[in-house]
Structures are given as structure tokens and as C-alpha cells.
C-alpha atoms as a PDB file:
ATOM      1  CA  MET A   1      34.700 -10.838-126.021  1.00  0.00           C
ATOM      2  CA  GLU A   2      31.188  -9.694-125.149  1.00  0.00           C
ATOM      3  CA  MET A   3      28.457 -11.979-123.822  1.00  0.00           C
ATOM      4  CA  HIS A   4      26.068 -10.992-126.634  1.00  0.00           C
ATOM      5  CA  GLN A   5      28.667 -12.241-129.138  1.00  0.00           C
ATOM      6  CA  VAL A   6      28.734 -15.586-127.354  1.00  0.00           C
ATOM      7  CA  ARG A   7      24.931 -15.760-127.331  1.00  0.00           C
ATOM      8  CA  TYR A   8      24.738 -14.968-131.055  1.00  0.00           C
ATOM      9  CA  PHE A   9      27.369 -17.576-131.886  1.00  0.00           C
ATOM     10  CA  LEU A  10      25.617 -20.318-129.893  1.00  0.00           C
ATOM     11  CA  ALA A  11      22.315 -19.604-131.606  1.00  0.00           C
ATOM     12  CA  ALA A  12      23.944 -19.697-135.052  1.00  0.00           C
ATOM     13  CA  ALA A  13      25.882 -22.858-134.174  1.00  0.00           C
ATOM     14  CA  ARG A  14      22.674 -24.616-133.128  1.00  0.00           C
ATOM     15  CA  LEU A  15      20.481 -23.441-136.005  1.00  0.00           C
ATOM     16  CA  LEU A  16      23.175 -23.189-138.739  1.00  0.00           C
ATOM     17  CA  ASN A  17      21.180 -20.329-140.176  1.00  0.00           C
ATOM     18  CA  PHE A  18      22.121 -16.720-139.508  1.00  0.00           C
ATOM     19  CA  THR A  19      18.660 -15.396-140.385  1.00  0.00           C
ATOM     20  CA  ARG A  20      16.854 -17.701-137.979  1.00  0.00           C
ATOM     21  CA  ALA A  21      19.530 -17.137-135.319  1.00  0.00           C
ATOM     22  CA  ALA A  22      19.029 -13.368-135.592  1.00  0.00           C
ATOM     23  CA  GLU A  23      15.262 -13.793-135.202  1.00  0.00           C
ATOM     24  CA  GLU A  24      15.713 -15.977-132.130  1.00  0.00           C
ATOM     25  CA  CYS A  25      18.097 -13.435-130.572  1.00  0.00           C
ATOM     26  CA  ASN A  26      15.717 -10.587-131.510  1.00  0.00           C
ATOM     27  CA  VAL A  27      18.414  -8.719-133.400  1.00  0.00           C
ATOM     28  CA  ALA A  28      18.938  -7.668-137.036  1.00  0.00           C
ATOM     29  CA  GLN A  29      20.920 -10.184-139.074  1.00  0.00           C
ATOM     30  CA  PRO A  30      23.701  -7.699-139.985  1.00  0.00           C
ATOM     31  CA  SER A  31      24.247  -7.042-136.273  1.00  0.00           C
ATOM     32  CA  LEU A  32      24.490 -10.772-135.557  1.00  0.00           C
ATOM     33  CA  THR A  33      26.829 -11.341-138.488  1.00  0.00           C
ATOM     34  CA  ARG A  34      29.022  -8.419-137.435  1.00  0.00           C
ATOM     35  CA  ALA A  35      29.225  -9.670-133.811  1.00  0.00           C
ATOM     36  CA  ILE A  36      30.265 -13.164-134.904  1.00  0.00           C
ATOM     37  CA  LYS A  37      32.821 -11.687-137.308  1.00  0.00           C
ATOM     38  CA  GLN A  38      34.334  -9.671-134.443  1.00  0.00           C
ATOM     39  CA  LEU A  39      34.499 -12.857-132.395  1.00  0.00           C
ATOM     40  CA  GLU A  40      36.349 -14.615-135.225  1.00  0.00           C
ATOM     41  CA  GLU A  41      38.803 -11.709-135.498  1.00  0.00           C
ATOM     42  CA  GLU A  42      39.472 -11.905-131.758  1.00  0.00           C
ATOM     43  CA  PHE A  43      40.044 -15.668-131.915  1.00  0.00           C
ATOM     44  CA  GLY A  44      42.097 -15.410-135.102  1.00  0.00           C
ATOM     45  CA  ASP A  45      40.213 -18.062-137.098  1.00  0.00           C
ATOM     46  CA  ASP A  46      36.861 -18.736-138.747  1.00  0.00           C
ATOM     47  CA  LEU A  47      34.065 -20.223-136.651  1.00  0.00           C
ATOM     48  CA  PHE A  48      31.697 -20.823-139.571  1.00  0.00           C
ATOM     49  CA  ARG A  49      32.032 -21.773-143.205  1.00  0.00           C
ATOM     50  CA  ARG A  50      29.352 -19.888-145.143  1.00  0.00           C
ATOM     51  CA  GLU A  51      28.272 -21.609-148.349  1.00  0.00           C
ATOM     52  CA  ARG A  52      24.868 -20.069-149.162  1.00  0.00           C
ATOM     53  CA  ASN A  53      22.348 -22.530-147.705  1.00  0.00           C
ATOM     54  CA  LEU A  54      25.057 -24.862-146.377  1.00  0.00           C
ATOM     55  CA  THR A  55      26.397 -22.800-143.475  1.00  0.00           C
ATOM     56  CA  HIS A  56      28.237 -25.054-141.001  1.00  0.00           C
ATOM     57  CA  LEU A  57      30.817 -24.926-138.262  1.00  0.00           C
ATOM     58  CA  THR A  58      34.496 -25.186-139.073  1.00  0.00           C
ATOM     59  CA  GLU A  59      36.654 -27.620-137.120  1.00  0.00           C
ATOM     60  CA  PHE A  60      37.845 -24.628-135.084  1.00  0.00           C
ATOM     61  CA  GLY A  61      34.223 -23.640-134.466  1.00  0.00           C
ATOM     62  CA  ARG A  62      33.298 -27.137-133.279  1.00  0.00           C
ATOM     63  CA  ARG A  63      36.202 -27.131-130.819  1.00  0.00           C
ATOM     64  CA  MET A  64      35.297 -23.697-129.485  1.00  0.00           C
ATOM     65  CA  THR A  65      31.575 -24.445-129.031  1.00  0.00           C
ATOM     66  CA  PRO A  66      31.723 -26.301-125.666  1.00  0.00           C
ATOM     67  CA  PHE A  67      33.944 -23.601-124.165  1.00  0.00           C
ATOM     68  CA  LEU A  68      31.665 -20.789-125.307  1.00  0.00           C
ATOM     69  CA  GLN A  69      28.646 -22.760-124.072  1.00  0.00           C
ATOM     70  CA  GLN A  70      30.293 -23.117-120.673  1.00  0.00           C
ATOM     71  CA  CYS A  71      31.062 -19.392-120.664  1.00  0.00           C
ATOM     72  CA  HIS A  72      27.405 -18.599-121.446  1.00  0.00           C
ATOM     73  CA  ASP A  73      26.053 -21.043-118.829  1.00  0.00           C
ATOM     74  CA  SER A  74      28.392 -19.708-116.137  1.00  0.00           C
ATOM     75  CA  ALA A  75      27.348 -16.132-116.825  1.00  0.00           C
ATOM     76  CA  ALA A  76      23.668 -17.129-116.695  1.00  0.00           C
ATOM     77  CA  ALA A  77      24.190 -19.013-113.429  1.00  0.00           C
ATOM     78  CA  ALA A  78      26.007 -16.021-111.923  1.00  0.00           C
ATOM     79  CA  LYS A  79      23.168 -13.716-112.963  1.00  0.00           C
ATOM     80  CA  ASN A  80      20.550 -16.049-111.469  1.00  0.00           C
ATOM     81  CA  LEU A  81      22.506 -16.378-108.228  1.00  0.00           C
ATOM     82  CA  ALA A  82      22.892 -12.602-107.960  1.00  0.00           C
ATOM     83  CA  SER A  83      19.162 -12.201-108.435  1.00  0.00           C
ATOM     84  CA  SER A  84      18.416 -14.872-105.812  1.00  0.00           C
ATOM     85  CA  LEU A  85      20.789 -13.271-103.317  1.00  0.00           C
ATOM     86  CA  LYS A  86      19.255  -9.856-103.892  1.00  0.00           C
ATOM     87  CA  LYS A  87      15.747 -11.250-103.356  1.00  0.00           C
ATOM     88  CA  GLY A  88      16.834 -13.243-100.299  1.00  0.00           C
ATOM     89  CA  ALA A  89      15.975 -16.586-101.921  1.00  0.00           C
ATOM     90  CA  VAL A  90      19.533 -17.758-101.207  1.00  0.00           C
ATOM     91  CA  ALA A  91      20.979 -17.044 -97.766  1.00  0.00           C
ATOM     92  CA  PRO A  92      24.669 -18.004 -97.523  1.00  0.00           C
ATOM     93  CA  MET A  93      26.416 -18.108 -94.154  1.00  0.00           C
ATOM     94  CA  THR A  94      29.959 -19.209 -93.316  1.00  0.00           C
ATOM     95  CA  LEU A  95      30.488 -20.315 -89.732  1.00  0.00           C
ATOM     96  CA  ALA A  96      33.930 -20.995 -88.262  1.00  0.00           C
ATOM     97  CA  LEU A  97      34.228 -23.310 -85.241  1.00  0.00           C
ATOM     98  CA  SER A  98      37.244 -24.203 -83.136  1.00  0.00           C
ATOM     99  CA  HIS A  99      38.228 -27.872 -83.318  1.00  0.00           C
ATOM    100  CA  SER A 100      37.268 -28.368 -79.681  1.00  0.00           C
ATOM    101  CA  LEU A 101      33.707 -27.119 -80.060  1.00  0.00           C
ATOM    102  CA  GLY A 102      30.977 -29.642 -80.861  1.00  0.00           C
ATOM    103  CA  LEU A 103      28.486 -28.692 -83.562  1.00  0.00           C
ATOM    104  CA  SER A 104      25.706 -30.476 -81.659  1.00  0.00           C
ATOM    105  CA  LEU A 105      25.503 -27.491 -79.295  1.00  0.00           C
ATOM    106  CA  PHE A 106      24.246 -25.304 -82.141  1.00  0.00           C
ATOM    107  CA  VAL A 107      22.058 -27.710 -84.111  1.00  0.00           C
ATOM    108  CA  SER A 108      18.814 -26.423 -82.580  1.00  0.00           C
ATOM    109  CA  HIS A 109      19.757 -22.835 -83.505  1.00  0.00           C
ATOM    110  CA  LEU A 110      20.657 -23.862 -87.068  1.00  0.00           C
ATOM    111  CA  THR A 111      17.372 -25.746 -87.349  1.00  0.00           C
ATOM    112  CA  GLU A 112      15.409 -22.681 -86.303  1.00  0.00           C
ATOM    113  CA  LEU A 113      17.422 -20.525 -88.703  1.00  0.00           C
ATOM    114  CA  SER A 114      16.723 -22.881 -91.625  1.00  0.00           C
ATOM    115  CA  ARG A 115      12.994 -22.617 -90.910  1.00  0.00           C
ATOM    116  CA  ALA A 116      13.193 -18.833 -91.178  1.00  0.00           C
ATOM    117  CA  PHE A 117      15.508 -18.873 -94.218  1.00  0.00           C
ATOM    118  CA  ASP A 118      14.464 -21.625 -96.598  1.00  0.00           C
ATOM    119  CA  GLY A 119      17.410 -20.821 -98.875  1.00  0.00           C
ATOM    120  CA  LEU A 120      20.034 -21.106 -96.118  1.00  0.00           C
ATOM    121  CA  GLU A 121      23.375 -22.330 -97.482  1.00  0.00           C
ATOM    122  CA  LEU A 122      25.741 -23.168 -94.622  1.00  0.00           C
ATOM    123  CA  ARG A 123      29.494 -23.395 -95.062  1.00  0.00           C
ATOM    124  CA  LEU A 124      31.354 -24.727 -92.038  1.00  0.00           C
ATOM    125  CA  LEU A 125      35.040 -24.115 -91.327  1.00  0.00           C
ATOM    126  CA  ARG A 126      37.149 -25.711 -88.594  1.00  0.00           C
ATOM    127  CA  GLY A 127      40.411 -24.411 -87.193  1.00  0.00           C
ATOM    128  CA  ALA A 128      42.701 -23.739 -84.263  1.00  0.00           C
ATOM    129  CA  ARG A 129      42.681 -20.386 -82.467  1.00  0.00           C
ATOM    130  CA  ASP A 130      45.068 -18.680 -84.885  1.00  0.00           C
ATOM    131  CA  GLU A 131      43.195 -20.104 -87.875  1.00  0.00           C
ATOM    132  CA  ILE A 132      39.837 -18.895 -86.539  1.00  0.00           C
ATOM    133  CA  ALA A 133      41.206 -15.374 -86.268  1.00  0.00           C
ATOM    134  CA  GLY A 134      42.560 -15.661 -89.813  1.00  0.00           C
ATOM    135  CA  PHE A 135      39.176 -16.771 -91.184  1.00  0.00           C
ATOM    136  CA  LEU A 136      37.607 -13.619 -89.758  1.00  0.00           C
ATOM    137  CA  ARG A 137      40.370 -11.232 -90.743  1.00  0.00           C
ATOM    138  CA  GLN A 138      40.466 -12.487 -94.339  1.00  0.00           C
ATOM    139  CA  GLY A 139      36.682 -12.426 -94.720  1.00  0.00           C
ATOM    140  CA  GLU A 140      36.348 -16.192 -95.145  1.00  0.00           C
ATOM    141  CA  ALA A 141      33.913 -16.487 -92.205  1.00  0.00           C
ATOM    142  CA  ASP A 142      30.906 -14.375 -91.240  1.00  0.00           C
ATOM    143  CA  ILE A 143      30.846 -15.573 -87.616  1.00  0.00           C
ATOM    144  CA  ALA A 144      33.249 -17.573 -85.458  1.00  0.00           C
ATOM    145  CA  LEU A 145      32.627 -19.569 -82.286  1.00  0.00           C
ATOM    146  CA  ALA A 146      35.646 -20.380 -80.159  1.00  0.00           C
ATOM    147  CA  GLY A 147      37.427 -19.791 -76.895  1.00  0.00           C
ATOM    148  CA  PRO A 148      39.755 -16.788 -76.406  1.00  0.00           C
ATOM    149  CA  LEU A 149      41.581 -16.108 -79.669  1.00  0.00           C
ATOM    150  CA  ALA A 150      45.334 -15.919 -79.989  1.00  0.00           C
ATOM    151  CA  GLU A 151      45.140 -12.413 -81.461  1.00  0.00           C
ATOM    152  CA  SER A 152      42.891  -9.397 -81.398  1.00  0.00           C
ATOM    153  CA  TRP A 153      42.414  -6.234 -83.397  1.00  0.00           C
ATOM    154  CA  ASP A 154      40.260  -3.146 -83.171  1.00  0.00           C
ATOM    155  CA  ARG A 155      37.576  -4.363 -85.605  1.00  0.00           C
ATOM    156  CA  LEU A 156      37.026  -7.681 -83.837  1.00  0.00           C
ATOM    157  CA  GLU A 157      33.692  -7.798 -81.999  1.00  0.00           C
ATOM    158  CA  SER A 158      32.990 -10.439 -79.366  1.00  0.00           C
ATOM    159  CA  TRP A 159      29.989 -11.657 -77.367  1.00  0.00           C
ATOM    160  CA  PRO A 160      30.563 -14.175 -74.537  1.00  0.00           C
ATOM    161  CA  LEU A 161      28.000 -16.977 -74.836  1.00  0.00           C
ATOM    162  CA  PHE A 162      28.685 -19.395 -71.979  1.00  0.00           C
ATOM    163  CA  SER A 163      31.266 -20.963 -69.700  1.00  0.00           C
ATOM    164  CA  GLU A 164      31.494 -24.634 -68.830  1.00  0.00           C
ATOM    165  CA  ARG A 165      33.616 -27.089 -66.915  1.00  0.00           C
ATOM    166  CA  VAL A 166      36.366 -29.113 -68.559  1.00  0.00           C
ATOM    167  CA  GLN A 167      37.004 -32.494 -66.964  1.00  0.00           C
ATOM    168  CA  VAL A 168      39.313 -35.465 -67.223  1.00  0.00           C
ATOM    169  CA  VAL A 169      37.795 -38.220 -69.339  1.00  0.00           C
ATOM    170  CA  VAL A 170      38.833 -41.874 -69.647  1.00  0.00           C
ATOM    171  CA  GLY A 171      37.643 -45.074 -71.252  1.00  0.00           C
ATOM    172  CA  LYS A 172      35.414 -47.280 -69.110  1.00  0.00           C
ATOM    173  CA  THR A 173      38.150 -49.914 -68.940  1.00  0.00           C
ATOM    174  CA  HIS A 174      40.677 -47.406 -67.569  1.00  0.00           C
ATOM    175  CA  ARG A 175      41.759 -47.671 -63.940  1.00  0.00           C
ATOM    176  CA  PHE A 176      40.289 -44.195 -63.213  1.00  0.00           C
ATOM    177  CA  ALA A 177      36.807 -45.205 -64.402  1.00  0.00           C
ATOM    178  CA  GLY A 178      34.160 -45.442 -61.686  1.00  0.00           C
ATOM    179  CA  ARG A 179      36.121 -43.566 -59.020  1.00  0.00           C
ATOM    180  CA  ASN A 180      34.392 -40.847 -57.042  1.00  0.00           C
ATOM    181  CA  ALA A 181      37.610 -38.820 -57.215  1.00  0.00           C
ATOM    182  CA  VAL A 182      41.073 -39.235 -58.694  1.00  0.00           C
ATOM    183  CA  GLU A 183      44.044 -38.046 -56.635  1.00  0.00           C
ATOM    184  CA  PRO A 184      46.523 -35.807 -58.475  1.00  0.00           C
ATOM    185  CA  GLU A 185      49.331 -38.203 -57.543  1.00  0.00           C
ATOM    186  CA  ASP A 186      47.603 -40.908 -59.602  1.00  0.00           C
ATOM    187  CA  PHE A 187      48.686 -39.107 -62.757  1.00  0.00           C
ATOM    188  CA  ALA A 188      52.338 -39.918 -62.080  1.00  0.00           C
ATOM    189  CA  GLY A 189      53.404 -42.246 -64.856  1.00  0.00           C
ATOM    190  CA  GLU A 190      50.045 -41.959 -66.617  1.00  0.00           C
ATOM    191  CA  ARG A 191      49.673 -41.470 -70.365  1.00  0.00           C
ATOM    192  CA  LEU A 192      48.099 -38.156 -71.336  1.00  0.00           C
ATOM    193  CA  ILE A 193      46.248 -37.698 -74.626  1.00  0.00           C
ATOM    194  CA  VAL A 194      46.550 -34.001 -75.369  1.00  0.00           C
ATOM    195  CA  ARG A 195      44.410 -32.196 -77.919  1.00  0.00           C
ATOM    196  CA  SER A 196      46.381 -29.198 -79.124  1.00  0.00           C
ATOM    197  CA  CYS A 197      43.101 -27.306 -79.628  1.00  0.00           C
ATOM    198  CA  CYS A 198      41.831 -27.796 -76.050  1.00  0.00           C
ATOM    199  CA  GLU A 199      41.535 -24.477 -74.198  1.00  0.00           C
ATOM    200  CA  ALA A 200      42.270 -26.065 -70.790  1.00  0.00           C
ATOM    201  CA  THR A 201      45.442 -27.962 -71.745  1.00  0.00           C
ATOM    202  CA  ARG A 202      47.834 -25.330 -70.366  1.00  0.00           C
ATOM    203  CA  ASP A 203      45.944 -25.038 -67.074  1.00  0.00           C
ATOM    204  CA  PHE A 204      45.970 -28.815 -66.645  1.00  0.00           C
ATOM    205  CA  ALA A 205      49.705 -28.958 -67.348  1.00  0.00           C
ATOM    206  CA  ALA A 206      50.273 -26.200 -64.764  1.00  0.00           C
ATOM    207  CA  PHE A 207      48.140 -28.133 -62.245  1.00  0.00           C
ATOM    208  CA  LEU A 208      50.406 -31.177 -62.563  1.00  0.00           C
ATOM    209  CA  LYS A 209      53.618 -29.154 -62.663  1.00  0.00           C
ATOM    210  CA  ASN A 210      52.754 -27.264 -59.463  1.00  0.00           C
ATOM    211  CA  ARG A 211      52.426 -30.618 -57.720  1.00  0.00           C
ATOM    212  CA  GLN A 212      55.637 -31.876 -59.314  1.00  0.00           C
ATOM    213  CA  ILE A 213      53.758 -34.660 -61.061  1.00  0.00           C
ATOM    214  CA  GLY A 214      55.070 -35.840 -64.396  1.00  0.00           C
ATOM    215  CA  PRO A 215      53.113 -38.007 -66.818  1.00  0.00           C
ATOM    216  CA  LYS A 216      54.784 -41.005 -68.416  1.00  0.00           C
ATOM    217  CA  VAL A 217      54.186 -39.800 -71.980  1.00  0.00           C
ATOM    218  CA  SER A 218      51.977 -37.303 -73.779  1.00  0.00           C
ATOM    219  CA  HIS A 219      50.245 -38.119 -77.052  1.00  0.00           C
ATOM    220  CA  GLU A 220      49.471 -34.950 -79.026  1.00  0.00           C
ATOM    221  CA  ILE A 221      46.324 -35.307 -81.134  1.00  0.00           C
ATOM    222  CA  VAL A 222      44.734 -32.883 -83.582  1.00  0.00           C
ATOM    223  CA  SER A 223      41.720 -34.884 -84.738  1.00  0.00           C
ATOM    224  CA  GLU A 224      38.744 -35.143 -82.383  1.00  0.00           C
ATOM    225  CA  HIS A 225      37.978 -38.597 -83.804  1.00  0.00           C
ATOM    226  CA  ASP A 226      41.508 -39.862 -83.094  1.00  0.00           C
ATOM    227  CA  HIS A 227      41.265 -38.452 -79.588  1.00  0.00           C
ATOM    228  CA  LEU A 228      38.113 -40.445 -78.899  1.00  0.00           C
ATOM    229  CA  VAL A 229      39.525 -43.653 -80.397  1.00  0.00           C
ATOM    230  CA  LEU A 230      42.580 -43.582 -78.108  1.00  0.00           C
ATOM    231  CA  LEU A 231      40.470 -42.787 -75.056  1.00  0.00           C
ATOM    232  CA  GLU A 232      37.988 -45.554 -75.789  1.00  0.00           C
ATOM    233  CA  ALA A 233      40.879 -48.000 -76.121  1.00  0.00           C
ATOM    234  CA  GLY A 234      42.045 -47.079 -72.608  1.00  0.00           C
ATOM    235  CA  LEU A 235      45.376 -45.761 -73.899  1.00  0.00           C
ATOM    236  CA  GLY A 236      45.428 -42.715 -71.635  1.00  0.00           C
ATOM    237  CA  VAL A 237      43.468 -39.834 -70.137  1.00  0.00           C
ATOM    238  CA  GLY A 238      42.270 -36.686 -71.840  1.00  0.00           C
ATOM    239  CA  LEU A 239      40.279 -33.522 -71.283  1.00  0.00           C
ATOM    240  CA  MET A 240      36.798 -32.829 -72.595  1.00  0.00           C
ATOM    241  CA  PRO A 241      34.216 -30.103 -71.929  1.00  0.00           C
ATOM    242  CA  GLU A 242      31.032 -30.763 -70.007  1.00  0.00           C
ATOM    243  CA  SER A 243      28.917 -30.198 -73.124  1.00  0.00           C
ATOM    244  CA  ALA A 244      30.715 -32.884 -75.130  1.00  0.00           C
ATOM    245  CA  VAL A 245      28.528 -35.751 -76.292  1.00  0.00           C
ATOM    246  CA  LEU A 246      30.556 -38.740 -75.105  1.00  0.00           C
ATOM    247  CA  SER A 247      30.266 -42.265 -76.418  1.00  0.00           C
ATOM    248  CA  ASN A 248      29.044 -44.951 -74.003  1.00  0.00           C
ATOM    249  CA  CYS A 249      32.644 -46.193 -73.820  1.00  0.00           C
ATOM    250  CA  LEU A 250      33.861 -43.044 -72.051  1.00  0.00           C
ATOM    251  CA  THR A 251      33.274 -41.452 -68.672  1.00  0.00           C
ATOM    252  CA  PHE A 252      34.332 -38.351 -66.753  1.00  0.00           C
ATOM    253  CA  ALA A 253      36.797 -38.843 -63.913  1.00  0.00           C
ATOM    254  CA  PRO A 254      36.645 -36.077 -61.224  1.00  0.00           C
ATOM    255  CA  VAL A 255      40.102 -35.044 -60.005  1.00  0.00           C
ATOM    256  CA  GLU A 256      40.624 -33.859 -56.442  1.00  0.00           C
ATOM    257  CA  GLY A 257      41.490 -30.150 -56.371  1.00  0.00           C
ATOM    258  CA  LEU A 258      41.196 -29.697 -60.148  1.00  0.00           C
ATOM    259  CA  GLU A 259      38.831 -27.014 -61.470  1.00  0.00           C
ATOM    260  CA  LEU A 260      39.105 -26.385 -65.176  1.00  0.00           C
ATOM    261  CA  GLY A 261      36.804 -24.432 -67.441  1.00  0.00           C
ATOM    262  CA  ARG A 262      36.509 -22.649 -70.716  1.00  0.00           C
ATOM    263  CA  ALA A 263      34.574 -19.673 -72.068  1.00  0.00           C
ATOM    264  CA  ILE A 264      32.959 -19.814 -75.501  1.00  0.00           C
ATOM    265  CA  VAL A 265      32.677 -16.550 -77.385  1.00  0.00           C
ATOM    266  CA  MET A 266      30.990 -15.464 -80.614  1.00  0.00           C
ATOM    267  CA  TYR A 267      33.168 -13.324 -82.870  1.00  0.00           C
ATOM    268  CA  ALA A 268      32.441 -11.131 -85.891  1.00  0.00           C
ATOM    269  CA  VAL A 269      34.119  -8.204 -87.636  1.00  0.00           C
ATOM    270  CA  ALA A 270      32.708  -4.724 -87.113  1.00  0.00           C
ATOM    271  CA  GLY A 271      31.745  -2.730 -90.188  1.00  0.00           C
ATOM    272  CA  ARG A 272      31.186  -5.669 -92.511  1.00  0.00           C
ATOM    273  CA  LYS A 273      27.823  -6.057 -94.174  1.00  0.00           C
ATOM    274  CA  ARG A 274      25.886  -9.008 -92.739  1.00  0.00           C
ATOM    275  CA  SER A 275      23.111 -10.904 -94.473  1.00  0.00           C
ATOM    276  CA  GLY A 276      19.728 -11.363 -92.839  1.00  0.00           C
ATOM    277  CA  ALA A 277      20.580 -14.982 -92.067  1.00  0.00           C
ATOM    278  CA  VAL A 278      23.870 -14.048 -90.378  1.00  0.00           C
ATOM    279  CA  GLY A 279      22.214 -11.360 -88.264  1.00  0.00           C
ATOM    280  CA  ALA A 280      19.381 -13.705 -87.265  1.00  0.00           C
ATOM    281  CA  PHE A 281      21.805 -16.465 -86.285  1.00  0.00           C
ATOM    282  CA  MET A 282      23.820 -14.061 -84.142  1.00  0.00           C
ATOM    283  CA  ASN A 283      20.627 -13.011 -82.345  1.00  0.00           C
ATOM    284  CA  LEU A 284      19.639 -16.649 -81.796  1.00  0.00           C
ATOM    285  CA  LEU A 285      23.032 -17.432 -80.260  1.00  0.00           C
ATOM    286  CA  ARG A 286      22.985 -14.394 -77.988  1.00  0.00           C
ATOM    287  CA  ALA A 287      19.494 -15.323 -76.764  1.00  0.00           C
ATOM    288  CA  GLY A 288      20.323 -19.004 -76.288  1.00  0.00           C
ATOM    289  CA  ASP A 289      19.642 -20.822 -73.010  1.00  0.00           C
ATOM    290  CA  TRP A 290      23.139 -22.250 -72.795  1.00  0.00           C
ATOM    291  CA  PRO A 291      22.907 -23.861 -69.338  1.00  0.00           C
ATOM    292  CA  ALA A 292      19.925 -25.837 -70.677  1.00  0.00           C
ATOM    293  CA  GLU A 293      21.855 -26.839 -73.805  1.00  0.00           C
ATOM    294  CA  ILE A 294      24.742 -28.111 -71.677  1.00  0.00           C
ATOM    295  CA  ARG A 295      22.330 -30.006 -69.413  1.00  0.00           C
ATOM    296  CA  LYS A 296      20.757 -31.537 -72.513  1.00  0.00           C
ATOM    297  CA  GLY A 297      24.170 -32.845 -73.559  1.00  0.00           C
ATOM    298  CA  ALA A 298      24.714 -34.274 -70.086  1.00  0.00           C
ATOM    299  CA  SER A 299      21.315 -36.005 -70.088  1.00  0.00           C
ATOM    300  CA  SER A 300      22.012 -37.568 -73.494  1.00  0.00           C
ATOM    301  CA  ARG A 301      25.190 -39.092 -72.051  1.00  0.00           C
ATOM    302  CA  VAL A 302      23.253 -40.532 -69.127  1.00  0.00           C
ATOM    303  CA  GLU A 303      20.691 -42.083 -71.491  1.00  0.00           C
ATOM    304  CA  ALA A 304      23.441 -43.522 -73.693  1.00  0.00           C
ATOM    305  CA  ALA A 305      25.130 -45.071 -70.676  1.00  0.00           C
END
């Protein structure tokens, strides 16, 4: 089936006149008739019943019309999109973020990018470390922002963006809230709320193990929202990065002798063609004043409190 056959059929189905349909399609009537006949042969049934001046669609033709219309509209939309992409009117970009990384850190960069690319179409993916690597490898993401990935390969490019502290966080009704420092021994018998995506989880577990301190229970959480709900309810302690925008029901609790941190890296795949929007966003991230962005997050917490 050729697209010109579909176009000829739709014109004839709308006008119910092969002569007028041929004129509208700017083609000789025999050519239009022949194309529709070939379409009927391919489908195995008549689309039209021709009775001199009473040409009309058969029942088969009426049933096929919406499908052929959809086929025509989809092809036209694909052609328009291809033209827009070629002209730069549409600028798609797929960004993959680790679950533990807040989007608020990058809003100012996305805002600036959208000013430069009016047709920016952002697609956002979330995943754990192994999923982030998979998004890049399979071509589902143009750029990824995460901590150290679980795997590496020779085509993976990386640009370190910033490092920040990771601290213990509790609800404001928790017994740790308001302390100048929490002693490691205080974690004995405490409930831990563990995010499987948190880059500092293993280091924190090693910190407690080296001091032979065992928590009462550990709740393993995947969702960032669920993590916050449990913390706000005072049902345990968790870990959050310094840049996290905390609710006014949460607070950081400094722990004596505990120094945790994480490094955030931008990843892309070497050799793949990048759109103007993707390249511009990568440049914006590499030029970002990340200490200022982290301080901005800290100041917003102070104001909220």
C-alpha cells in the first residue's frame, strides 16, 4: 500500500466523485482510478460501488475509511515532526536522574535552556544505578545525572559536577531532633529508614558495624515520597544529601565522627549524535555554580523552618 493510494481513496470517499477527486489530488482520473483499484486488489474487496453518477462507498469501504484516515494523518504528522526537528523548531531531550537526586537542583538550568530552545520537549526518566546505565546503553536517555554507576564501558563519558555532604535526617518530633550532635551509640536499637538508591547507605552501615552498633530494624524504601512520610512521622532515621529540599517537619541531625558524602556526575555516550538542546544543557551543567545551588537549597530550608 502506497501513501498516494490512501490519499486518492480519501479524496474519492469524501467527494464521491472520481473526476473531482482527481482534480483535487492534481492527478489524471485514470491514474486515480488505477491506484484505488490496486488498493482494492490488495485488500481483496471493493471499496466503492460505481453506478454512473451514484458512486458510493461499499460497507467494506466505510469500515476501512477511519483506518486509512488514521494512516494518512499519522504519516502527515510524522512528516511535519521530521521537518520541525530538522529546522530545530522541536528540540527533544531525554534526561535520566537517579532516584536520590532532586530535580530542583537543575530547574534553573532547564529554565535557561527552555528560553534558548522554545521547542524544548523534555522527557524525564528515573532509575537506580543499574537502570541509569541501561538507559544510556540502550539509547533511551541522552544524558544521565547520578552518583557512581554500577557498571562502565569504553563509550561511557563522564563529567564530575559536584560533591556534597550526606547527613542523618529525622522528624522534628524524633528524640535526635535539636541536638548539637548525636553519639554513634545512640543508634543502638534505633529504627533505620534505608533508601536503596542512596549512595551513602553502605558507608553508613559500615560506620555502625565498625562500632559494633546494631539498629533495631531497617525499613527499606524505594520511593522518595514514602521515605519522607516515614521520617516526618518520627518512625526512624534516614540519610539525605545536603542539597535536598526538606519539609519543615524534618531536620538534619549531626552525628559525632560521621562524615558521609556523595559525588554527582553527568554521563553521556561517546560517538552518539547530540541535538543542539542536549549539547547546550551539558554545557550549562558543566558551567554551573554548584556550591551556590547547594547553598540556595540550604537557605530555602531555613526560610521554611
